[in-house]
Amino acid sequence: YTRVGRTEYWLLATMMGRAGTGPDKSLAIATTPVPVEETGKTNIPSHLYKLVEDLIDPEKRDTALLELSKKREDFPDLAPILWNSFGTIGALLQEIVSIYPLLSPPRLTTELSNRCCNALALLQCVASHPETRTAFLNAHIPLYLYPFLNTVCTFRQYEFLRLTSLGVIGALVKMDDSDVITFLLQTQIIPLCLRIMDNGSELSKTVATFIIQKILLDDQGLAYICHTFERFSTVSDVLRKMVLELVEHPSVRLLKHICRCYLRLSENRHAREALQTCIPTQLRDNTFGEELKDDSERLTRKWLQQLLRNIGDIPPDNAASKVPQ
């Protein structure tokens, strides 16, 4: 039960329900000299403040990263302290950019990957907190993660980086904040996620598909993807390929997100017309009936039935209630 394994489990629990060019003036918020004791978060134990201070000391940073990443879920107010403490965000970004030269050719060690992922975990804490999320976006910090999403090396340490980076983006979109979607649509997050959905591990595919799902659930995200046939067909082709792969390698959690993506696409008139001819046969002929028979998959079955109604495969149900998100 390795550290990687623990993080994979945590990411799943998080996902299943438990853009620009670089930093701008907003990053100054994170480097304004504010003593950590003066952040006003009284429920944080004193030793945590010391660990935050240790992040700016290169000799103590590794231990501080590890300890803070372990404790981040126990202290929700850790995020504002990280953001407002002098030099802290700069130190976390230093950990991230120091890995760039090791991405290609691949020379990343497991130790360095774990250390960088601990820094990413703290950034996820900042990304998901309502007091720091907007400043996090305004500083364009998600862009620092994109080189990790762009890697194709299949070694475990690179997969760990991709997965943890996806977790940061997943934490952003999970907040259902339209400003987050606006920001992401100005970046390359959609093609990056689509490539991971096409070639990644099952867990990375699941989180990447969740991100695309949350983008689609936003009206501007749906309009963006359906604006041209090329954009729609690119997303549709990847979803179709994933469905075909699930026939050989079933994954209910991945199928759930795929069905929700298809259902949302079917709510756009032009996309709905195209789906009538390009939706996979396996979603129409009850191929996945065995996987979805459990009561816990009732919502996924409902999504699939509504999808088939939308594209005209089964008669409309006038009594059908609004589809849950």
C-alpha atoms as a PDB file:
ATOM      1  CA  TYR A   1       0.000   0.000   0.000  1.00  0.00           C
ATOM      2  CA  THR A   2       2.332   2.679  -1.328  1.00  0.00           C
ATOM      3  CA  ARG A   3       2.061   6.441  -1.181  1.00  0.00           C
ATOM      4  CA  VAL A   4       0.985   6.368  -4.824  1.00  0.00           C
ATOM      5  CA  GLY A   5      -1.763   3.921  -3.941  1.00  0.00           C
ATOM      6  CA  ARG A   6      -3.039   6.113  -1.116  1.00  0.00           C
ATOM      7  CA  THR A   7      -3.183   9.126  -3.423  1.00  0.00           C
ATOM      8  CA  GLU A   8      -5.034   7.165  -6.111  1.00  0.00           C
ATOM      9  CA  TYR A   9      -7.635   6.130  -3.539  1.00  0.00           C
ATOM     10  CA  TRP A  10      -7.999   9.697  -2.274  1.00  0.00           C
ATOM     11  CA  LEU A  11      -8.426  11.066  -5.798  1.00  0.00           C
ATOM     12  CA  LEU A  12     -11.205   8.608  -6.502  1.00  0.00           C
ATOM     13  CA  ALA A  13     -12.982   9.537  -3.296  1.00  0.00           C
ATOM     14  CA  THR A  14     -12.705  13.220  -4.217  1.00  0.00           C
ATOM     15  CA  MET A  15     -13.963  12.799  -7.777  1.00  0.00           C
ATOM     16  CA  MET A  16     -16.830  10.485  -6.913  1.00  0.00           C
ATOM     17  CA  GLY A  17     -18.368  12.769  -4.356  1.00  0.00           C
ATOM     18  CA  ARG A  18     -16.903  12.753  -1.008  1.00  0.00           C
ATOM     19  CA  ALA A  19      -5.518  29.598 -19.409  1.00  0.00           C
ATOM     20  CA  GLY A  20      -3.406  32.660 -19.992  1.00  0.00           C
ATOM     21  CA  THR A  21       0.365  32.854 -20.281  1.00  0.00           C
ATOM     22  CA  GLY A  22       1.678  32.792 -16.745  1.00  0.00           C
ATOM     23  CA  PRO A  23       1.485  34.425 -13.358  1.00  0.00           C
ATOM     24  CA  ASP A  24       0.214  37.991 -13.171  1.00  0.00           C
ATOM     25  CA  LYS A  25      -0.179  40.568 -10.424  1.00  0.00           C
ATOM     26  CA  SER A  26      -2.628  38.316  -8.610  1.00  0.00           C
ATOM     27  CA  LEU A  27       0.289  36.149  -7.570  1.00  0.00           C
ATOM     28  CA  ALA A  28       1.446  39.038  -5.411  1.00  0.00           C
ATOM     29  CA  ILE A  29      -1.306  38.036  -3.002  1.00  0.00           C
ATOM     30  CA  ALA A  30       0.590  34.851  -2.336  1.00  0.00           C
ATOM     31  CA  THR A  31       3.905  36.559  -1.725  1.00  0.00           C
ATOM     32  CA  THR A  32       2.808  39.512   0.375  1.00  0.00           C
ATOM     33  CA  PRO A  33       4.692  39.312   3.679  1.00  0.00           C
ATOM     34  CA  VAL A  34       1.932  38.198   6.039  1.00  0.00           C
ATOM     35  CA  PRO A  35       3.083  36.305   9.130  1.00  0.00           C
ATOM     36  CA  VAL A  36       1.226  33.026   9.253  1.00  0.00           C
ATOM     37  CA  GLU A  37       0.116  33.661  12.823  1.00  0.00           C
ATOM     38  CA  GLU A  38      -1.823  36.723  11.619  1.00  0.00           C
ATOM     39  CA  THR A  39      -4.004  34.966   9.046  1.00  0.00           C
ATOM     40  CA  GLY A  40      -6.910  34.754  11.473  1.00  0.00           C
ATOM     41  CA  LYS A  41      -7.329  30.979  11.264  1.00  0.00           C
ATOM     42  CA  THR A  42      -7.482  30.072  14.934  1.00  0.00           C
ATOM     43  CA  ASN A  43      -8.341  26.391  14.473  1.00  0.00           C
ATOM     44  CA  ILE A  44      -4.931  25.596  13.007  1.00  0.00           C
ATOM     45  CA  PRO A  45      -2.426  24.100  15.488  1.00  0.00           C
ATOM     46  CA  SER A  46       0.835  25.968  15.944  1.00  0.00           C
ATOM     47  CA  HIS A  47       2.979  23.179  14.519  1.00  0.00           C
ATOM     48  CA  LEU A  48       1.157  23.545  11.191  1.00  0.00           C
ATOM     49  CA  TYR A  49       2.138  27.204  11.017  1.00  0.00           C
ATOM     50  CA  LYS A  50       5.737  26.126  11.506  1.00  0.00           C
ATOM     51  CA  LEU A  51       5.453  23.623   8.666  1.00  0.00           C
ATOM     52  CA  VAL A  52       4.101  26.358   6.384  1.00  0.00           C
ATOM     53  CA  GLU A  53       7.074  28.541   7.312  1.00  0.00           C
ATOM     54  CA  ASP A  54       9.412  25.641   6.554  1.00  0.00           C
ATOM     55  CA  LEU A  55       8.219  25.561   2.936  1.00  0.00           C
ATOM     56  CA  ILE A  56      10.404  28.546   2.078  1.00  0.00           C
ATOM     57  CA  ASP A  57      13.493  26.837   3.534  1.00  0.00           C
ATOM     58  CA  PRO A  58      14.963  24.495   0.873  1.00  0.00           C
ATOM     59  CA  GLU A  59      16.532  22.339   3.589  1.00  0.00           C
ATOM     60  CA  LYS A  60      13.211  21.762   5.368  1.00  0.00           C
ATOM     61  CA  ARG A  61      10.827  21.875   2.400  1.00  0.00           C
ATOM     62  CA  ASP A  62      10.696  18.151   1.620  1.00  0.00           C
ATOM     63  CA  THR A  63       9.565  17.228   5.124  1.00  0.00           C
ATOM     64  CA  ALA A  64       7.137  20.147   5.267  1.00  0.00           C
ATOM     65  CA  LEU A  65       5.572  19.150   1.932  1.00  0.00           C
ATOM     66  CA  LEU A  66       5.065  15.587   3.084  1.00  0.00           C
ATOM     67  CA  GLU A  67       3.584  16.490   6.466  1.00  0.00           C
ATOM     68  CA  LEU A  68       1.291  19.227   5.149  1.00  0.00           C
ATOM     69  CA  SER A  69      -0.006  17.055   2.305  1.00  0.00           C
ATOM     70  CA  LYS A  70      -0.952  14.403   4.874  1.00  0.00           C
ATOM     71  CA  LYS A  71      -2.820  16.915   7.051  1.00  0.00           C
ATOM     72  CA  ARG A  72      -4.512  19.077   4.399  1.00  0.00           C
ATOM     73  CA  GLU A  73      -7.905  17.371   4.595  1.00  0.00           C
ATOM     74  CA  ASP A  74      -8.011  17.666   8.370  1.00  0.00           C
ATOM     75  CA  PHE A  75      -7.676  21.463   8.281  1.00  0.00           C
ATOM     76  CA  PRO A  76      -9.932  23.149   5.669  1.00  0.00           C
ATOM     77  CA  ASP A  77      -8.532  26.576   6.538  1.00  0.00           C
ATOM     78  CA  LEU A  78      -5.022  25.562   5.538  1.00  0.00           C
ATOM     79  CA  ALA A  79      -5.573  26.954   2.017  1.00  0.00           C
ATOM     80  CA  PRO A  80      -5.823  30.676   2.967  1.00  0.00           C
ATOM     81  CA  ILE A  81      -2.744  30.284   5.147  1.00  0.00           C
ATOM     82  CA  LEU A  82      -0.785  28.788   2.261  1.00  0.00           C
ATOM     83  CA  TRP A  83      -1.942  31.492  -0.119  1.00  0.00           C
ATOM     84  CA  ASN A  84      -1.282  34.466   2.164  1.00  0.00           C
ATOM     85  CA  SER A  85       1.978  33.342   3.750  1.00  0.00           C
ATOM     86  CA  PHE A  86       5.158  34.970   2.499  1.00  0.00           C
ATOM     87  CA  GLY A  87       6.864  33.027  -0.302  1.00  0.00           C
ATOM     88  CA  THR A  88       4.785  29.872   0.091  1.00  0.00           C
ATOM     89  CA  ILE A  89       3.137  29.729  -3.349  1.00  0.00           C
ATOM     90  CA  GLY A  90       6.427  30.677  -4.955  1.00  0.00           C
ATOM     91  CA  ALA A  91       8.080  27.747  -3.187  1.00  0.00           C
ATOM     92  CA  LEU A  92       5.383  25.347  -4.423  1.00  0.00           C
ATOM     93  CA  LEU A  93       5.756  26.616  -7.985  1.00  0.00           C
ATOM     94  CA  GLN A  94       9.522  26.213  -7.697  1.00  0.00           C
ATOM     95  CA  GLU A  95       8.965  22.545  -6.896  1.00  0.00           C
ATOM     96  CA  ILE A  96       6.819  22.197 -10.010  1.00  0.00           C
ATOM     97  CA  VAL A  97       9.026  23.978 -12.537  1.00  0.00           C
ATOM     98  CA  SER A  98      12.117  22.148 -11.287  1.00  0.00           C
ATOM     99  CA  ILE A  99      10.587  18.961 -12.721  1.00  0.00           C
ATOM    100  CA  TYR A 100      10.144  20.319 -16.255  1.00  0.00           C
ATOM    101  CA  PRO A 101      13.677  19.433 -17.463  1.00  0.00           C
ATOM    102  CA  LEU A 102      13.116  15.828 -16.358  1.00  0.00           C
ATOM    103  CA  LEU A 103       9.987  15.308 -18.450  1.00  0.00           C
ATOM    104  CA  SER A 104      11.681  14.842 -21.825  1.00  0.00           C
ATOM    105  CA  PRO A 105      13.717  12.780 -22.165  1.00  0.00           C
ATOM    106  CA  PRO A 106      12.183  10.986 -19.163  1.00  0.00           C
ATOM    107  CA  ARG A 107      14.572  11.130 -16.220  1.00  0.00           C
ATOM    108  CA  LEU A 108      12.156  11.582 -13.320  1.00  0.00           C
ATOM    109  CA  THR A 109      12.715   9.465 -10.213  1.00  0.00           C
ATOM    110  CA  THR A 110       9.950   8.198  -7.953  1.00  0.00           C
ATOM    111  CA  GLU A 111      11.302  10.280  -5.071  1.00  0.00           C
ATOM    112  CA  LEU A 112      11.149  13.526  -7.060  1.00  0.00           C
ATOM    113  CA  SER A 113       7.712  12.617  -8.410  1.00  0.00           C
ATOM    114  CA  ASN A 114       6.374  12.076  -4.890  1.00  0.00           C
ATOM    115  CA  ARG A 115       7.836  15.360  -3.713  1.00  0.00           C
ATOM    116  CA  CYS A 116       6.297  17.286  -6.618  1.00  0.00           C
ATOM    117  CA  CYS A 117       2.948  15.561  -6.081  1.00  0.00           C
ATOM    118  CA  ASN A 118       2.961  16.681  -2.451  1.00  0.00           C
ATOM    119  CA  ALA A 119       3.332  20.258  -3.724  1.00  0.00           C
ATOM    120  CA  LEU A 120       0.497  19.668  -6.196  1.00  0.00           C
ATOM    121  CA  ALA A 121      -1.689  18.325  -3.387  1.00  0.00           C
ATOM    122  CA  LEU A 122      -1.253  21.599  -1.506  1.00  0.00           C
ATOM    123  CA  LEU A 123      -2.148  23.549  -4.643  1.00  0.00           C
ATOM    124  CA  GLN A 124      -5.286  21.429  -4.915  1.00  0.00           C
ATOM    125  CA  CYS A 125      -6.144  22.514  -1.399  1.00  0.00           C
ATOM    126  CA  VAL A 126      -5.834  26.160  -2.519  1.00  0.00           C
ATOM    127  CA  ALA A 127      -7.770  25.524  -5.747  1.00  0.00           C
ATOM    128  CA  SER A 128     -10.781  24.058  -3.966  1.00  0.00           C
ATOM    129  CA  HIS A 129     -11.124  26.652  -1.183  1.00  0.00           C
ATOM    130  CA  PRO A 130     -13.706  29.425  -1.809  1.00  0.00           C
ATOM    131  CA  GLU A 131     -11.444  32.116  -0.305  1.00  0.00           C
ATOM    132  CA  THR A 132      -8.493  31.332  -2.572  1.00  0.00           C
ATOM    133  CA  ARG A 133      -9.966  29.816  -5.758  1.00  0.00           C
ATOM    134  CA  THR A 134     -10.475  33.117  -7.615  1.00  0.00           C
ATOM    135  CA  ALA A 135      -6.988  34.385  -6.823  1.00  0.00           C
ATOM    136  CA  PHE A 136      -5.611  30.967  -7.823  1.00  0.00           C
ATOM    137  CA  LEU A 137      -7.258  31.341 -11.239  1.00  0.00           C
ATOM    138  CA  ASN A 138      -6.320  34.999 -11.657  1.00  0.00           C
ATOM    139  CA  ALA A 139      -2.690  34.041 -11.124  1.00  0.00           C
ATOM    140  CA  HIS A 140      -3.030  31.441 -13.933  1.00  0.00           C
ATOM    141  CA  ILE A 141      -1.481  28.804 -11.707  1.00  0.00           C
ATOM    142  CA  PRO A 142      -3.262  25.858 -13.426  1.00  0.00           C
ATOM    143  CA  LEU A 143      -1.079  26.524 -16.471  1.00  0.00           C
ATOM    144  CA  TYR A 144       1.961  25.360 -14.524  1.00  0.00           C
ATOM    145  CA  LEU A 145       0.385  21.899 -14.411  1.00  0.00           C
ATOM    146  CA  TYR A 146      -0.185  21.512 -18.142  1.00  0.00           C
ATOM    147  CA  PRO A 147       3.330  20.211 -18.949  1.00  0.00           C
ATOM    148  CA  PHE A 148       2.567  17.262 -16.658  1.00  0.00           C
ATOM    149  CA  LEU A 149      -0.741  16.617 -18.434  1.00  0.00           C
ATOM    150  CA  ASN A 150       1.103  16.743 -21.745  1.00  0.00           C
ATOM    151  CA  THR A 151       3.482  13.892 -20.902  1.00  0.00           C
ATOM    152  CA  VAL A 152       3.019  10.515 -22.562  1.00  0.00           C
ATOM    153  CA  CYS A 153       5.529   8.424 -20.622  1.00  0.00           C
ATOM    154  CA  THR A 154       3.786   5.442 -19.027  1.00  0.00           C
ATOM    155  CA  PHE A 155       6.180   4.974 -16.115  1.00  0.00           C
ATOM    156  CA  ARG A 156       4.417   5.040 -12.762  1.00  0.00           C
ATOM    157  CA  GLN A 157       6.097   8.235 -11.550  1.00  0.00           C
ATOM    158  CA  TYR A 158       4.827  10.133 -14.620  1.00  0.00           C
ATOM    159  CA  GLU A 159       1.358   8.671 -14.280  1.00  0.00           C
ATOM    160  CA  PHE A 160       1.377   9.826 -10.664  1.00  0.00           C
ATOM    161  CA  LEU A 161       2.196  13.379 -11.807  1.00  0.00           C
ATOM    162  CA  ARG A 162      -0.560  13.349 -14.423  1.00  0.00           C
ATOM    163  CA  LEU A 163      -3.109  11.980 -11.999  1.00  0.00           C
ATOM    164  CA  THR A 164      -2.327  14.467  -9.247  1.00  0.00           C
ATOM    165  CA  SER A 165      -2.382  17.362 -11.742  1.00  0.00           C
ATOM    166  CA  LEU A 166      -5.764  16.174 -12.995  1.00  0.00           C
ATOM    167  CA  GLY A 167      -6.875  16.170  -9.360  1.00  0.00           C
ATOM    168  CA  VAL A 168      -6.121  19.902  -9.100  1.00  0.00           C
ATOM    169  CA  ILE A 169      -8.185  20.671 -12.207  1.00  0.00           C
ATOM    170  CA  GLY A 170     -10.884  18.285 -10.999  1.00  0.00           C
ATOM    171  CA  ALA A 171     -11.075  20.158  -7.698  1.00  0.00           C
ATOM    172  CA  LEU A 172     -11.610  23.401  -9.620  1.00  0.00           C
ATOM    173  CA  VAL A 173     -14.415  22.140 -11.860  1.00  0.00           C
ATOM    174  CA  LYS A 174     -16.119  20.317  -9.008  1.00  0.00           C
ATOM    175  CA  MET A 175     -17.036  23.701  -7.514  1.00  0.00           C
ATOM    176  CA  ASP A 176     -19.512  24.391 -10.374  1.00  0.00           C
ATOM    177  CA  ASP A 177     -18.101  27.895 -10.770  1.00  0.00           C
ATOM    178  CA  SER A 178     -18.690  29.432 -14.217  1.00  0.00           C
ATOM    179  CA  ASP A 179     -15.536  31.541 -13.811  1.00  0.00           C
ATOM    180  CA  VAL A 180     -13.529  28.324 -13.642  1.00  0.00           C
ATOM    181  CA  ILE A 181     -15.043  27.103 -16.914  1.00  0.00           C
ATOM    182  CA  THR A 182     -14.441  30.498 -18.547  1.00  0.00           C
ATOM    183  CA  PHE A 183     -10.789  30.286 -17.572  1.00  0.00           C
ATOM    184  CA  LEU A 184     -10.325  26.682 -18.695  1.00  0.00           C
ATOM    185  CA  LEU A 185     -11.934  27.273 -22.094  1.00  0.00           C
ATOM    186  CA  GLN A 186      -9.216  29.835 -22.787  1.00  0.00           C
ATOM    187  CA  THR A 187      -6.558  27.166 -22.279  1.00  0.00           C
ATOM    188  CA  GLN A 188      -5.708  23.792 -23.799  1.00  0.00           C
ATOM    189  CA  ILE A 189      -7.413  21.734 -21.087  1.00  0.00           C
ATOM    190  CA  ILE A 190      -9.917  20.064 -23.432  1.00  0.00           C
ATOM    191  CA  PRO A 191      -7.350  18.593 -25.874  1.00  0.00           C
ATOM    192  CA  LEU A 192      -5.108  17.625 -22.940  1.00  0.00           C
ATOM    193  CA  CYS A 193      -7.954  15.765 -21.239  1.00  0.00           C
ATOM    194  CA  LEU A 194      -9.040  14.141 -24.501  1.00  0.00           C
ATOM    195  CA  ARG A 195      -5.567  12.763 -25.069  1.00  0.00           C
ATOM    196  CA  ILE A 196      -5.511  11.287 -21.566  1.00  0.00           C
ATOM    197  CA  MET A 197      -8.995   9.845 -22.137  1.00  0.00           C
ATOM    198  CA  ASP A 198      -7.635   8.261 -25.295  1.00  0.00           C
ATOM    199  CA  ASN A 199      -4.364   6.862 -23.956  1.00  0.00           C
ATOM    200  CA  GLY A 200      -4.224   7.106 -20.152  1.00  0.00           C
ATOM    201  CA  SER A 201      -4.691   4.616 -17.358  1.00  0.00           C
ATOM    202  CA  GLU A 202      -8.210   3.806 -16.204  1.00  0.00           C
ATOM    203  CA  LEU A 203      -7.990   6.156 -13.239  1.00  0.00           C
ATOM    204  CA  SER A 204      -6.543   9.028 -15.280  1.00  0.00           C
ATOM    205  CA  LYS A 205      -9.223   8.473 -17.922  1.00  0.00           C
ATOM    206  CA  THR A 206     -11.879   8.607 -15.229  1.00  0.00           C
ATOM    207  CA  VAL A 207     -10.705  11.932 -13.792  1.00  0.00           C
ATOM    208  CA  ALA A 208     -10.111  13.455 -17.256  1.00  0.00           C
ATOM    209  CA  THR A 209     -13.621  12.394 -18.344  1.00  0.00           C
ATOM    210  CA  PHE A 210     -15.029  13.889 -15.141  1.00  0.00           C
ATOM    211  CA  ILE A 211     -13.389  17.221 -16.072  1.00  0.00           C
ATOM    212  CA  ILE A 212     -14.887  17.124 -19.585  1.00  0.00           C
ATOM    213  CA  GLN A 213     -18.252  16.238 -18.045  1.00  0.00           C
ATOM    214  CA  LYS A 214     -18.167  19.258 -15.731  1.00  0.00           C
ATOM    215  CA  ILE A 215     -17.170  21.520 -18.638  1.00  0.00           C
ATOM    216  CA  LEU A 216     -20.099  20.184 -20.671  1.00  0.00           C
ATOM    217  CA  LEU A 217     -22.536  20.687 -17.794  1.00  0.00           C
ATOM    218  CA  ASP A 218     -21.785  24.410 -17.910  1.00  0.00           C
ATOM    219  CA  ASP A 219     -23.780  26.147 -20.641  1.00  0.00           C
ATOM    220  CA  GLN A 220     -20.784  27.955 -22.054  1.00  0.00           C
ATOM    221  CA  GLY A 221     -18.797  24.722 -22.064  1.00  0.00           C
ATOM    222  CA  LEU A 222     -21.513  22.902 -24.014  1.00  0.00           C
ATOM    223  CA  ALA A 223     -21.791  25.804 -26.459  1.00  0.00           C
ATOM    224  CA  TYR A 224     -18.014  25.847 -26.923  1.00  0.00           C
ATOM    225  CA  ILE A 225     -17.704  22.138 -27.706  1.00  0.00           C
ATOM    226  CA  CYS A 226     -20.754  22.149 -29.997  1.00  0.00           C
ATOM    227  CA  HIS A 227     -19.826  25.409 -31.743  1.00  0.00           C
ATOM    228  CA  THR A 228     -18.171  23.574 -34.637  1.00  0.00           C
ATOM    229  CA  PHE A 229     -18.594  20.047 -35.951  1.00  0.00           C
ATOM    230  CA  GLU A 230     -14.840  19.535 -35.623  1.00  0.00           C
ATOM    231  CA  ARG A 231     -14.901  20.181 -31.881  1.00  0.00           C
ATOM    232  CA  PHE A 232     -17.948  18.001 -31.376  1.00  0.00           C
ATOM    233  CA  SER A 233     -16.608  15.137 -33.474  1.00  0.00           C
ATOM    234  CA  THR A 234     -13.254  15.210 -31.674  1.00  0.00           C
ATOM    235  CA  VAL A 235     -14.978  14.756 -28.310  1.00  0.00           C
ATOM    236  CA  SER A 236     -17.481  12.246 -29.705  1.00  0.00           C
ATOM    237  CA  ASP A 237     -14.764  10.122 -31.328  1.00  0.00           C
ATOM    238  CA  VAL A 238     -12.838   9.835 -28.066  1.00  0.00           C
ATOM    239  CA  LEU A 239     -15.987   8.923 -26.118  1.00  0.00           C
ATOM    240  CA  ARG A 240     -16.865   6.311 -28.737  1.00  0.00           C
ATOM    241  CA  LYS A 241     -13.420   4.734 -28.561  1.00  0.00           C
ATOM    242  CA  MET A 242     -13.670   4.586 -24.767  1.00  0.00           C
ATOM    243  CA  VAL A 243     -17.029   2.801 -24.962  1.00  0.00           C
ATOM    244  CA  LEU A 244     -15.569   0.197 -27.308  1.00  0.00           C
ATOM    245  CA  GLU A 245     -12.657  -0.369 -24.927  1.00  0.00           C
ATOM    246  CA  LEU A 246     -15.057  -0.827 -22.011  1.00  0.00           C
ATOM    247  CA  VAL A 247     -16.521  -3.879 -23.734  1.00  0.00           C
ATOM    248  CA  GLU A 248     -13.184  -5.645 -23.202  1.00  0.00           C
ATOM    249  CA  HIS A 249     -12.185  -3.900 -19.980  1.00  0.00           C
ATOM    250  CA  PRO A 250     -15.344  -2.870 -18.073  1.00  0.00           C
ATOM    251  CA  SER A 251     -15.241   0.052 -15.640  1.00  0.00           C
ATOM    252  CA  VAL A 252     -18.560   1.175 -14.185  1.00  0.00           C
ATOM    253  CA  ARG A 253     -17.138   4.403 -12.771  1.00  0.00           C
ATOM    254  CA  LEU A 254     -15.762   5.382 -16.204  1.00  0.00           C
ATOM    255  CA  LEU A 255     -18.964   4.343 -17.992  1.00  0.00           C
ATOM    256  CA  LYS A 256     -20.923   6.589 -15.633  1.00  0.00           C
ATOM    257  CA  HIS A 257     -19.028   9.709 -16.720  1.00  0.00           C
ATOM    258  CA  ILE A 258     -19.144   8.736 -20.401  1.00  0.00           C
ATOM    259  CA  CYS A 259     -22.931   8.366 -20.254  1.00  0.00           C
ATOM    260  CA  ARG A 260     -23.288  11.759 -18.580  1.00  0.00           C
ATOM    261  CA  CYS A 261     -21.112  13.383 -21.262  1.00  0.00           C
ATOM    262  CA  TYR A 262     -23.212  11.848 -24.034  1.00  0.00           C
ATOM    263  CA  LEU A 263     -26.447  12.866 -22.329  1.00  0.00           C
ATOM    264  CA  ARG A 264     -25.318  16.460 -22.000  1.00  0.00           C
ATOM    265  CA  LEU A 265     -24.211  16.547 -25.646  1.00  0.00           C
ATOM    266  CA  SER A 266     -27.668  15.293 -26.633  1.00  0.00           C
ATOM    267  CA  GLU A 267     -29.182  18.427 -25.100  1.00  0.00           C
ATOM    268  CA  ASN A 268     -27.673  20.488 -27.922  1.00  0.00           C
ATOM    269  CA  ARG A 269     -29.802  20.355 -31.077  1.00  0.00           C
ATOM    270  CA  HIS A 270     -26.954  19.992 -33.584  1.00  0.00           C
ATOM    271  CA  ALA A 271     -25.098  17.481 -31.446  1.00  0.00           C
ATOM    272  CA  ARG A 272     -28.297  15.495 -30.906  1.00  0.00           C
ATOM    273  CA  GLU A 273     -28.777  15.121 -34.644  1.00  0.00           C
ATOM    274  CA  ALA A 274     -25.204  13.905 -35.071  1.00  0.00           C
ATOM    275  CA  LEU A 275     -25.465  11.460 -32.160  1.00  0.00           C
ATOM    276  CA  GLN A 276     -28.351   9.692 -33.870  1.00  0.00           C
ATOM    277  CA  THR A 277     -25.809   8.195 -36.276  1.00  0.00           C
ATOM    278  CA  CYS A 278     -22.530   8.188 -34.344  1.00  0.00           C
ATOM    279  CA  ILE A 279     -23.425   6.985 -30.854  1.00  0.00           C
ATOM    280  CA  PRO A 280     -21.889   3.543 -30.151  1.00  0.00           C
ATOM    281  CA  THR A 281     -24.151   0.540 -30.689  1.00  0.00           C
ATOM    282  CA  GLN A 282     -23.017  -0.790 -27.294  1.00  0.00           C
ATOM    283  CA  LEU A 283     -24.957   2.002 -25.568  1.00  0.00           C
ATOM    284  CA  ARG A 284     -28.079   1.085 -27.519  1.00  0.00           C
ATOM    285  CA  ASP A 285     -28.199  -2.707 -27.233  1.00  0.00           C
ATOM    286  CA  ASN A 286     -27.844  -3.212 -23.472  1.00  0.00           C
ATOM    287  CA  THR A 287     -24.235  -4.396 -23.770  1.00  0.00           C
ATOM    288  CA  PHE A 288     -23.544  -2.961 -20.324  1.00  0.00           C
ATOM    289  CA  GLY A 289     -26.738  -4.217 -18.717  1.00  0.00           C
ATOM    290  CA  GLU A 290     -24.861  -6.566 -16.409  1.00  0.00           C
ATOM    291  CA  GLU A 291     -22.506  -3.822 -15.200  1.00  0.00           C
ATOM    292  CA  LEU A 292     -25.422  -1.432 -14.532  1.00  0.00           C
ATOM    293  CA  LYS A 293     -27.870  -3.845 -12.902  1.00  0.00           C
ATOM    294  CA  ASP A 294     -26.880  -2.949  -9.336  1.00  0.00           C
ATOM    295  CA  ASP A 295     -29.088  -0.473  -7.468  1.00  0.00           C
ATOM    296  CA  SER A 296     -26.071   1.772  -6.943  1.00  0.00           C
ATOM    297  CA  GLU A 297     -25.999   2.380 -10.718  1.00  0.00           C
ATOM    298  CA  ARG A 298     -29.630   3.486 -10.931  1.00  0.00           C
ATOM    299  CA  LEU A 299     -28.623   7.047 -11.816  1.00  0.00           C
ATOM    300  CA  THR A 300     -26.361   5.878 -14.645  1.00  0.00           C
ATOM    301  CA  ARG A 301     -29.184   3.740 -16.033  1.00  0.00           C
ATOM    302  CA  LYS A 302     -31.481   6.754 -15.892  1.00  0.00           C
ATOM    303  CA  TRP A 303     -28.939   8.873 -17.776  1.00  0.00           C
ATOM    304  CA  LEU A 304     -28.574   6.216 -20.451  1.00  0.00           C
ATOM    305  CA  GLN A 305     -32.336   5.857 -20.880  1.00  0.00           C
ATOM    306  CA  GLN A 306     -32.735   9.620 -21.173  1.00  0.00           C
ATOM    307  CA  LEU A 307     -29.941   9.739 -23.748  1.00  0.00           C
ATOM    308  CA  LEU A 308     -31.737   7.141 -25.881  1.00  0.00           C
ATOM    309  CA  ARG A 309     -34.973   9.108 -25.557  1.00  0.00           C
ATOM    310  CA  ASN A 310     -33.236  12.305 -26.643  1.00  0.00           C
ATOM    311  CA  ILE A 311     -31.838  10.736 -29.814  1.00  0.00           C
ATOM    312  CA  GLY A 312     -35.140   9.028 -30.615  1.00  0.00           C
ATOM    313  CA  ASP A 313     -34.217   5.400 -29.946  1.00  0.00           C
ATOM    314  CA  ILE A 314     -37.049   4.940 -27.460  1.00  0.00           C
ATOM    315  CA  PRO A 315     -40.346   6.855 -27.166  1.00  0.00           C
ATOM    316  CA  PRO A 316     -40.262   9.984 -24.998  1.00  0.00           C
ATOM    317  CA  ASP A 317     -41.515   9.626 -21.448  1.00  0.00           C
ATOM    318  CA  ASN A 318     -43.692  12.615 -20.631  1.00  0.00           C
ATOM    319  CA  ALA A 319     -43.574  11.724 -16.948  1.00  0.00           C
ATOM    320  CA  ALA A 320     -39.784  11.675 -16.856  1.00  0.00           C
ATOM    321  CA  SER A 321     -38.415  14.060 -14.293  1.00  0.00           C
ATOM    322  CA  LYS A 322     -35.539  16.432 -14.840  1.00  0.00           C
ATOM    323  CA  VAL A 323     -32.316  14.517 -15.231  1.00  0.00           C
ATOM    324  CA  PRO A 324     -30.148  14.785 -12.094  1.00  0.00           C
ATOM    325  CA  GLN A 325     -26.727  16.327 -12.551  1.00  0.00           C
END
